[in-house]
Amino acid sequence: MIAVTCRNGEHFSVDPESIERIETSPDTVVHLVDGTKYVVSEGFDHLLRSIQDHRAILLVAQQQLYGGIAKVADHRADLRVERRSRSRDEDSGHRSVDVVAPGGARPGADED
């Protein structure tokens, strides 16, 4: 879970695996896969870094549980940010941002 702050000051946590996309115009809006939207005070870069750190911690813990030795990479994996000219929400007209891992896979997307 990652900690976020609503615009009204309320603190809560979100499961990064349930984040579908993040919009950043002008407010930062986190869209979950179940359709829930949260307007948060954190910026896009801060949220992306929190998600990366969360996933890195999970990988290290998983390696330790399986008896392996987890090594932390000297560099972070590069992520490509795709910007759309239109949002998936027809009425909003805001630009949206999708985070895409190397190879074109969207983080948290189910693989077949």
Protein backbone atom coordinates (compact mmCIF):
# COMPACT_ATOMS: atom_id res chain seq x y z
CA MET A 1 0.00 0.00 0.00
CA ILE A 2 1.10 3.55 -0.65
CA ALA A 3 0.05 6.55 1.42
CA VAL A 4 -1.73 9.43 -0.29
CA THR A 5 -3.43 12.62 0.88
CA CYS A 6 -6.77 13.88 -0.40
CA ARG A 7 -7.12 17.55 -1.20
CA ASN A 8 -9.17 17.94 2.01
CA GLY A 9 -6.21 16.71 4.10
CA GLU A 10 -7.51 13.18 4.72
CA HIS A 11 -4.72 10.56 4.70
CA PHE A 12 -5.38 7.07 3.38
CA SER A 13 -3.63 4.26 1.54
CA VAL A 14 -4.14 2.81 -1.93
CA ASP A 15 -3.08 -0.55 -3.32
CA PRO A 16 -0.78 0.31 -6.27
CA GLU A 17 -1.97 -2.82 -8.10
CA SER A 18 -5.47 -1.32 -8.28
CA ILE A 19 -4.36 1.95 -9.94
CA GLU A 20 -5.43 2.05 -13.59
CA ARG A 21 -4.13 5.50 -14.50
CA ILE A 22 -3.20 8.92 -13.14
CA GLU A 23 -4.42 12.19 -14.66
CA THR A 24 -2.52 15.39 -14.06
CA SER A 25 -4.54 18.28 -15.45
CA PRO A 26 -4.65 20.48 -13.40
CA ASP A 27 -5.24 18.33 -10.29
CA THR A 28 -3.71 14.92 -9.78
CA VAL A 29 -6.50 12.34 -10.11
CA VAL A 30 -5.88 8.65 -9.35
CA HIS A 31 -8.25 6.30 -11.21
CA LEU A 32 -8.66 2.80 -9.79
CA VAL A 33 -9.64 -0.26 -11.81
CA ASP A 34 -13.03 -0.38 -10.04
CA GLY A 35 -13.90 3.11 -11.33
CA THR A 36 -13.16 5.00 -8.10
CA LYS A 37 -11.42 8.36 -8.53
CA TYR A 38 -9.36 10.20 -5.92
CA VAL A 39 -8.11 13.78 -6.22
CA VAL A 40 -4.82 13.78 -4.32
CA SER A 41 -2.34 16.46 -3.32
CA GLU A 42 0.75 14.43 -4.35
CA GLY A 43 2.22 15.05 -7.77
CA PHE A 44 2.66 12.52 -10.56
CA ASP A 45 6.41 12.06 -9.96
CA HIS A 46 5.90 11.45 -6.23
CA LEU A 47 3.18 8.87 -6.90
CA LEU A 48 5.28 7.11 -9.53
CA ARG A 49 8.26 6.96 -7.16
CA SER A 50 6.05 5.59 -4.36
CA ILE A 51 4.70 2.86 -6.66
CA GLN A 52 8.23 1.93 -7.81
CA ASP A 53 9.49 1.77 -4.22
CA HIS A 54 6.50 -0.35 -3.17
CA ARG A 55 7.15 -2.86 -5.95
CA ALA A 56 10.87 -2.99 -5.17
CA ILE A 57 10.14 -3.75 -1.51
CA LEU A 58 7.74 -6.50 -2.53
CA LEU A 59 10.35 -8.09 -4.80
CA VAL A 60 13.00 -8.04 -2.08
CA ALA A 61 10.60 -9.53 0.48
CA GLN A 62 9.52 -12.22 -1.98
CA GLN A 63 13.13 -13.19 -2.67
CA GLN A 64 13.85 -13.40 1.05
CA LEU A 65 10.79 -15.57 1.66
CA TYR A 66 11.89 -18.04 -0.98
CA GLY A 67 15.37 -18.29 0.53
CA GLY A 68 17.07 -16.31 -2.22
CA ILE A 69 19.32 -13.36 -1.78
CA ALA A 70 17.68 -10.23 -3.10
CA LYS A 71 19.92 -7.64 -4.64
CA VAL A 72 18.78 -4.09 -5.15
CA ALA A 73 19.59 -2.77 -8.62
CA ASP A 74 21.96 0.16 -8.96
CA HIS A 75 19.50 1.82 -11.31
CA ARG A 76 15.75 1.86 -11.59
CA ALA A 77 13.93 0.40 -14.57
CA ASP A 78 12.99 2.99 -17.14
CA LEU A 79 9.29 3.64 -17.57
CA ARG A 80 7.72 5.24 -20.59
CA VAL A 81 4.90 7.74 -20.05
CA GLU A 82 2.22 7.78 -22.73
CA ARG A 83 0.16 10.93 -23.01
CA ARG A 84 -3.19 10.90 -24.74
CA SER A 85 -4.77 13.88 -26.40
CA ARG A 86 -8.12 12.88 -24.89
CA SER A 87 -9.19 11.30 -21.65
CA ARG A 88 -11.12 8.05 -21.39
CA ASP A 89 -13.84 10.13 -19.73
CA GLU A 90 -15.63 11.71 -22.68
CA ASP A 91 -17.05 14.67 -20.75
CA SER A 92 -13.92 15.75 -18.86
CA GLY A 93 -11.68 16.72 -21.79
CA HIS A 94 -8.57 16.41 -19.56
CA ARG A 95 -5.39 14.74 -20.67
CA SER A 96 -4.56 11.45 -19.01
CA VAL A 97 -1.28 9.68 -18.37
CA ASP A 98 -0.67 5.93 -18.54
CA VAL A 99 2.47 4.39 -17.08
CA VAL A 100 3.96 1.71 -19.31
CA ALA A 101 6.78 -0.59 -18.26
CA PRO A 102 9.56 -1.51 -20.70
CA GLY A 103 8.21 -3.87 -23.33
CA GLY A 104 4.83 -2.15 -23.44
CA ALA A 105 3.24 -3.85 -20.40
CA ARG A 106 1.12 -1.66 -18.18
CA PRO A 107 1.97 -2.10 -14.47
CA GLY A 108 -0.78 -4.01 -12.68
CA ALA A 109 -2.32 -5.28 -15.93
CA ASP A 110 -3.20 -8.96 -16.06
CA GLU A 111 -1.12 -10.97 -18.47
CA ASP A 112 -2.70 -13.78 -20.46
